[in-house]
Amino acid sequence: MNTRVNLADAHWITSSHSSGEGQCVEVAAVPGAVATRDSKDRTGPVLVFTGEGWDSFIRGLTADEFRC
């Protein structure tokens, strides 16, 4: 299913874990979803998660599942 999310009125917030060293992520709560983007490329691609997908992503981060 391809559902478009209107980001025109999104209120973007920079992660509190951003250190100012160019590795910043911004998030915005939008109806039925959470959007994420790179703060250095605000007109670039946006990842949109369902609420359930966002919760799963955060659990993975907390459990350190994405370490390279």
PDB file of N, CA and C in Angstrom:
ATOM      1  N   MET A   1       0.834  -1.158   0.000  1.00  0.00           N
ATOM      2  CA  MET A   1       0.000   0.000   0.000  1.00  0.00           C
ATOM      3  C   MET A   1       0.895   1.242   0.000  1.00  0.00           C
ATOM      4  N   ASN A   2       0.633   2.185  -0.881  1.00  0.00           N
ATOM      5  CA  ASN A   2       1.407   3.412  -0.963  1.00  0.00           C
ATOM      6  C   ASN A   2       0.563   4.556  -0.422  1.00  0.00           C
ATOM      7  N   THR A   3       0.865   5.002   0.789  1.00  0.00           N
ATOM      8  CA  THR A   3       0.124   6.082   1.410  1.00  0.00           C
ATOM      9  C   THR A   3       1.027   7.294   1.516  1.00  0.00           C
ATOM     10  N   ARG A   4       0.553   8.413   1.024  1.00  0.00           N
ATOM     11  CA  ARG A   4       1.337   9.647   1.106  1.00  0.00           C
ATOM     12  C   ARG A   4       1.034  10.370   2.418  1.00  0.00           C
ATOM     13  N   VAL A   5       2.064  10.964   2.987  1.00  0.00           N
ATOM     14  CA  VAL A   5       1.931  11.712   4.229  1.00  0.00           C
ATOM     15  C   VAL A   5       2.203  13.170   3.925  1.00  0.00           C
ATOM     16  N   ASN A   6       1.320  14.056   4.365  1.00  0.00           N
ATOM     17  CA  ASN A   6       1.507  15.487   4.148  1.00  0.00           C
ATOM     18  C   ASN A   6       2.485  16.016   5.193  1.00  0.00           C
ATOM     19  N   LEU A   7       3.651  16.464   4.728  1.00  0.00           N
ATOM     20  CA  LEU A   7       4.690  16.973   5.630  1.00  0.00           C
ATOM     21  C   LEU A   7       4.751  18.500   5.641  1.00  0.00           C
ATOM     22  N   ALA A   8       3.828  19.156   4.917  1.00  0.00           N
ATOM     23  CA  ALA A   8       3.871  20.614   4.783  1.00  0.00           C
ATOM     24  C   ALA A   8       3.810  21.325   6.137  1.00  0.00           C
ATOM     25  N   ASP A   9       3.016  20.805   7.050  1.00  0.00           N
ATOM     26  CA  ASP A   9       2.862  21.452   8.360  1.00  0.00           C
ATOM     27  C   ASP A   9       3.589  20.714   9.481  1.00  0.00           C
ATOM     28  N   ALA A  10       4.488  19.817   9.115  1.00  0.00           N
ATOM     29  CA  ALA A  10       5.209  19.036  10.126  1.00  0.00           C
ATOM     30  C   ALA A  10       6.089  19.948  10.980  1.00  0.00           C
ATOM     31  N   HIS A  11       6.108  19.679  12.268  1.00  0.00           N
ATOM     32  CA  HIS A  11       6.971  20.406  13.209  1.00  0.00           C
ATOM     33  C   HIS A  11       8.165  19.503  13.506  1.00  0.00           C
ATOM     34  N   TRP A  12       9.303  19.821  12.884  1.00  0.00           N
ATOM     35  CA  TRP A  12      10.494  18.986  12.997  1.00  0.00           C
ATOM     36  C   TRP A  12      11.260  19.325  14.269  1.00  0.00           C
ATOM     37  N   ILE A  13      11.743  18.286  14.953  1.00  0.00           N
ATOM     38  CA  ILE A  13      12.511  18.432  16.193  1.00  0.00           C
ATOM     39  C   ILE A  13      13.830  17.692  16.018  1.00  0.00           C
ATOM     40  N   THR A  14      14.931  18.355  16.357  1.00  0.00           N
ATOM     41  CA  THR A  14      16.245  17.731  16.275  1.00  0.00           C
ATOM     42  C   THR A  14      16.450  16.816  17.478  1.00  0.00           C
ATOM     43  N   SER A  15      17.024  15.669  17.234  1.00  0.00           N
ATOM     44  CA  SER A  15      17.267  14.703  18.295  1.00  0.00           C
ATOM     45  C   SER A  15      18.092  15.324  19.417  1.00  0.00           C
ATOM     46  N   SER A  16      17.735  15.003  20.647  1.00  0.00           N
ATOM     47  CA  SER A  16      18.503  15.496  21.801  1.00  0.00           C
ATOM     48  C   SER A  16      19.879  14.843  21.857  1.00  0.00           C
ATOM     49  N   HIS A  17      20.093  13.765  21.101  1.00  0.00           N
ATOM     50  CA  HIS A  17      21.384  13.083  21.069  1.00  0.00           C
ATOM     51  C   HIS A  17      22.313  13.637  19.991  1.00  0.00           C
ATOM     52  N   SER A  18      21.828  14.600  19.201  1.00  0.00           N
ATOM     53  CA  SER A  18      22.675  15.204  18.172  1.00  0.00           C
ATOM     54  C   SER A  18      23.749  16.039  18.833  1.00  0.00           C
ATOM     55  N   SER A  19      24.952  15.896  18.352  1.00  0.00           N
ATOM     56  CA  SER A  19      26.085  16.544  19.009  1.00  0.00           C
ATOM     57  C   SER A  19      26.557  17.800  18.298  1.00  0.00           C
ATOM     58  N   GLY A  20      25.925  18.179  17.204  1.00  0.00           N
ATOM     59  CA  GLY A  20      26.379  19.345  16.462  1.00  0.00           C
ATOM     60  C   GLY A  20      27.543  19.036  15.549  1.00  0.00           C
ATOM     61  N   GLU A  21      27.850  17.767  15.356  1.00  0.00           N
ATOM     62  CA  GLU A  21      28.971  17.361  14.509  1.00  0.00           C
ATOM     63  C   GLU A  21      28.508  16.875  13.141  1.00  0.00           C
ATOM     64  N   GLY A  22      27.315  17.304  12.717  1.00  0.00           N
ATOM     65  CA  GLY A  22      26.836  16.949  11.396  1.00  0.00           C
ATOM     66  C   GLY A  22      26.143  15.607  11.305  1.00  0.00           C
ATOM     67  N   GLN A  23      25.840  14.993  12.429  1.00  0.00           N
ATOM     68  CA  GLN A  23      25.144  13.700  12.431  1.00  0.00           C
ATOM     69  C   GLN A  23      23.795  13.869  13.112  1.00  0.00           C
ATOM     70  N   CYS A  24      22.999  14.794  12.589  1.00  0.00           N
ATOM     71  CA  CYS A  24      21.737  15.135  13.231  1.00  0.00           C
ATOM     72  C   CYS A  24      20.555  14.496  12.515  1.00  0.00           C
ATOM     73  N   VAL A  25      19.639  14.009  13.298  1.00  0.00           N
ATOM     74  CA  VAL A  25      18.391  13.450  12.803  1.00  0.00           C
ATOM     75  C   VAL A  25      17.262  14.301  13.356  1.00  0.00           C
ATOM     76  N   GLU A  26      16.274  14.576  12.522  1.00  0.00           N
ATOM     77  CA  GLU A  26      15.088  15.301  12.958  1.00  0.00           C
ATOM     78  C   GLU A  26      13.886  14.378  12.841  1.00  0.00           C
ATOM     79  N   VAL A  27      12.933  14.544  13.751  1.00  0.00           N
ATOM     80  CA  VAL A  27      11.706  13.753  13.712  1.00  0.00           C
ATOM     81  C   VAL A  27      10.507  14.689  13.764  1.00  0.00           C
ATOM     82  N   ALA A  28       9.406  14.218  13.201  1.00  0.00           N
ATOM     83  CA  ALA A  28       8.148  14.971  13.252  1.00  0.00           C
ATOM     84  C   ALA A  28       7.006  13.983  13.415  1.00  0.00           C
ATOM     85  N   ALA A  29       6.138  14.259  14.359  1.00  0.00           N
ATOM     86  CA  ALA A  29       4.923  13.457  14.510  1.00  0.00           C
ATOM     87  C   ALA A  29       3.908  14.001  13.513  1.00  0.00           C
ATOM     88  N   VAL A  30       3.412  13.149  12.661  1.00  0.00           N
ATOM     89  CA  VAL A  30       2.389  13.509  11.684  1.00  0.00           C
ATOM     90  C   VAL A  30       1.219  12.557  11.891  1.00  0.00           C
ATOM     91  N   PRO A  31       0.027  12.905  11.430  1.00  0.00           N
ATOM     92  CA  PRO A  31      -1.127  12.038  11.679  1.00  0.00           C
ATOM     93  C   PRO A  31      -0.869  10.581  11.282  1.00  0.00           C
ATOM     94  N   GLY A  32      -0.890   9.702  12.268  1.00  0.00           N
ATOM     95  CA  GLY A  32      -0.739   8.276  12.039  1.00  0.00           C
ATOM     96  C   GLY A  32       0.662   7.792  11.768  1.00  0.00           C
ATOM     97  N   ALA A  33       1.672   8.669  11.929  1.00  0.00           N
ATOM     98  CA  ALA A  33       3.032   8.265  11.577  1.00  0.00           C
ATOM     99  C   ALA A  33       4.067   9.130  12.283  1.00  0.00           C
ATOM    100  N   VAL A  34       5.332   8.716  12.139  1.00  0.00           N
ATOM    101  CA  VAL A  34       6.479   9.497  12.591  1.00  0.00           C
ATOM    102  C   VAL A  34       7.420   9.614  11.402  1.00  0.00           C
ATOM    103  N   ALA A  35       7.808  10.841  11.071  1.00  0.00           N
ATOM    104  CA  ALA A  35       8.704  11.087   9.939  1.00  0.00           C
ATOM    105  C   ALA A  35      10.100  11.408  10.460  1.00  0.00           C
ATOM    106  N   THR A  36      11.120  10.988   9.737  1.00  0.00           N
ATOM    107  CA  THR A  36      12.508  11.266  10.101  1.00  0.00           C
ATOM    108  C   THR A  36      13.251  11.782   8.885  1.00  0.00           C
ATOM    109  N   ARG A  37      14.241  12.651   9.116  1.00  0.00           N
ATOM    110  CA  ARG A  37      15.058  13.172   8.022  1.00  0.00           C
ATOM    111  C   ARG A  37      16.420  13.585   8.545  1.00  0.00           C
ATOM    112  N   ASP A  38      17.334  13.778   7.625  1.00  0.00           N
ATOM    113  CA  ASP A  38      18.682  14.257   7.915  1.00  0.00           C
ATOM    114  C   ASP A  38      18.620  15.781   7.987  1.00  0.00           C
ATOM    115  N   SER A  39      19.022  16.360   9.095  1.00  0.00           N
ATOM    116  CA  SER A  39      18.930  17.817   9.255  1.00  0.00           C
ATOM    117  C   SER A  39      19.836  18.574   8.299  1.00  0.00           C
ATOM    118  N   LYS A  40      20.837  17.910   7.734  1.00  0.00           N
ATOM    119  CA  LYS A  40      21.727  18.570   6.775  1.00  0.00           C
ATOM    120  C   LYS A  40      21.113  18.619   5.375  1.00  0.00           C
ATOM    121  N   ASP A  41      20.047  17.850   5.155  1.00  0.00           N
ATOM    122  CA  ASP A  41      19.423  17.772   3.834  1.00  0.00           C
ATOM    123  C   ASP A  41      17.907  17.837   4.011  1.00  0.00           C
ATOM    124  N   ARG A  42      17.426  18.970   4.428  1.00  0.00           N
ATOM    125  CA  ARG A  42      16.006  19.117   4.786  1.00  0.00           C
ATOM    126  C   ARG A  42      15.053  18.998   3.607  1.00  0.00           C
ATOM    127  N   THR A  43      15.553  19.094   2.397  1.00  0.00           N
ATOM    128  CA  THR A  43      14.695  18.897   1.223  1.00  0.00           C
ATOM    129  C   THR A  43      14.890  17.507   0.634  1.00  0.00           C
ATOM    130  N   GLY A  44      15.716  16.706   1.276  1.00  0.00           N
ATOM    131  CA  GLY A  44      16.010  15.361   0.799  1.00  0.00           C
ATOM    132  C   GLY A  44      14.966  14.351   1.232  1.00  0.00           C
ATOM    133  N   PRO A  45      15.319  13.080   1.144  1.00  0.00           N
ATOM    134  CA  PRO A  45      14.362  12.015   1.455  1.00  0.00           C
ATOM    135  C   PRO A  45      13.945  11.998   2.921  1.00  0.00           C
ATOM    136  N   VAL A  46      12.749  11.503   3.144  1.00  0.00           N
ATOM    137  CA  VAL A  46      12.172  11.379   4.478  1.00  0.00           C
ATOM    138  C   VAL A  46      11.744   9.929   4.669  1.00  0.00           C
ATOM    139  N   LEU A  47      12.089   9.352   5.800  1.00  0.00           N
ATOM    140  CA  LEU A  47      11.592   8.022   6.161  1.00  0.00           C
ATOM    141  C   LEU A  47      10.355   8.215   7.026  1.00  0.00           C
ATOM    142  N   VAL A  48       9.284   7.506   6.690  1.00  0.00           N
ATOM    143  CA  VAL A  48       8.043   7.605   7.456  1.00  0.00           C
ATOM    144  C   VAL A  48       7.727   6.237   8.045  1.00  0.00           C
ATOM    145  N   PHE A  49       7.543   6.210   9.354  1.00  0.00           N
ATOM    146  CA  PHE A  49       7.237   4.986  10.085  1.00  0.00           C
ATOM    147  C   PHE A  49       5.796   5.032  10.578  1.00  0.00           C
ATOM    148  N   THR A  50       5.128   3.898  10.589  1.00  0.00           N
ATOM    149  CA  THR A  50       3.866   3.803  11.318  1.00  0.00           C
ATOM    150  C   THR A  50       4.205   3.919  12.801  1.00  0.00           C
ATOM    151  N   GLY A  51       3.204   4.136  13.623  1.00  0.00           N
ATOM    152  CA  GLY A  51       3.451   4.177  15.065  1.00  0.00           C
ATOM    153  C   GLY A  51       4.069   2.886  15.565  1.00  0.00           C
ATOM    154  N   GLU A  52       3.553   1.764  15.083  1.00  0.00           N
ATOM    155  CA  GLU A  52       4.087   0.453  15.475  1.00  0.00           C
ATOM    156  C   GLU A  52       5.523   0.278  14.968  1.00  0.00           C
ATOM    157  N   GLY A  53       5.774   0.702  13.751  1.00  0.00           N
ATOM    158  CA  GLY A  53       7.124   0.602  13.185  1.00  0.00           C
ATOM    159  C   GLY A  53       8.115   1.464  13.947  1.00  0.00           C
ATOM    160  N   TRP A  54       7.682   2.662  14.350  1.00  0.00           N
ATOM    161  CA  TRP A  54       8.550   3.560  15.119  1.00  0.00           C
ATOM    162  C   TRP A  54       8.886   2.940  16.477  1.00  0.00           C
ATOM    163  N   ASP A  55       7.867   2.391  17.140  1.00  0.00           N
ATOM    164  CA  ASP A  55       8.110   1.746  18.431  1.00  0.00           C
ATOM    165  C   ASP A  55       9.121   0.610  18.293  1.00  0.00           C
ATOM    166  N   SER A  56       8.981  -0.187  17.241  1.00  0.00           N
ATOM    167  CA  SER A  56       9.906  -1.293  16.997  1.00  0.00           C
ATOM    168  C   SER A  56      11.313  -0.773  16.732  1.00  0.00           C
ATOM    169  N   PHE A  57      11.428   0.296  15.948  1.00  0.00           N
ATOM    170  CA  PHE A  57      12.727   0.908  15.651  1.00  0.00           C
ATOM    171  C   PHE A  57      13.398   1.395  16.939  1.00  0.00           C
ATOM    172  N   ILE A  58      12.654   2.087  17.777  1.00  0.00           N
ATOM    173  CA  ILE A  58      13.206   2.602  19.040  1.00  0.00           C
ATOM    174  C   ILE A  58      13.629   1.452  19.947  1.00  0.00           C
ATOM    175  N   ARG A  59      12.827   0.381  20.005  1.00  0.00           N
ATOM    176  CA  ARG A  59      13.231  -0.786  20.805  1.00  0.00           C
ATOM    177  C   ARG A  59      14.547  -1.368  20.282  1.00  0.00           C
ATOM    178  N   GLY A  60      14.700  -1.422  18.959  1.00  0.00           N
ATOM    179  CA  GLY A  60      15.943  -1.926  18.368  1.00  0.00           C
ATOM    180  C   GLY A  60      17.132  -1.048  18.718  1.00  0.00           C
ATOM    181  N   LEU A  61      16.927   0.273  18.685  1.00  0.00           N
ATOM    182  CA  LEU A  61      18.012   1.188  19.076  1.00  0.00           C
ATOM    183  C   LEU A  61      18.389   0.987  20.534  1.00  0.00           C
ATOM    184  N   THR A  62      17.391   0.897  21.383  1.00  0.00           N
ATOM    185  CA  THR A  62      17.629   0.718  22.812  1.00  0.00           C
ATOM    186  C   THR A  62      18.363  -0.592  23.096  1.00  0.00           C
ATOM    187  N   ALA A  63      18.035  -1.629  22.319  1.00  0.00           N
ATOM    188  CA  ALA A  63      18.676  -2.934  22.507  1.00  0.00           C
ATOM    189  C   ALA A  63      20.004  -3.041  21.753  1.00  0.00           C
ATOM    190  N   ASP A  64      20.427  -1.939  21.113  1.00  0.00           N
ATOM    191  CA  ASP A  64      21.705  -1.886  20.395  1.00  0.00           C
ATOM    192  C   ASP A  64      21.758  -2.904  19.252  1.00  0.00           C
ATOM    193  N   GLU A  65      20.624  -3.110  18.569  1.00  0.00           N
ATOM    194  CA  GLU A  65      20.545  -4.086  17.492  1.00  0.00           C
ATOM    195  C   GLU A  65      21.180  -3.605  16.181  1.00  0.00           C
ATOM    196  N   PHE A  66      21.504  -2.325  16.088  1.00  0.00           N
ATOM    197  CA  PHE A  66      21.984  -1.777  14.823  1.00  0.00           C
ATOM    198  C   PHE A  66      23.472  -1.454  14.825  1.00  0.00           C
ATOM    199  N   ARG A  67      24.186  -1.961  15.784  1.00  0.00           N
ATOM    200  CA  ARG A  67      25.634  -1.673  15.857  1.00  0.00           C
ATOM    201  C   ARG A  67      26.348  -2.294  14.671  1.00  0.00           C
ATOM    202  N   CYS A  68      27.219  -1.524  14.071  1.00  0.00           N
ATOM    203  CA  CYS A  68      28.010  -2.031  12.921  1.00  0.00           C
ATOM    204  C   CYS A  68      29.310  -2.632  13.387  1.00  0.00           C
TER     205      CYS A  68
END
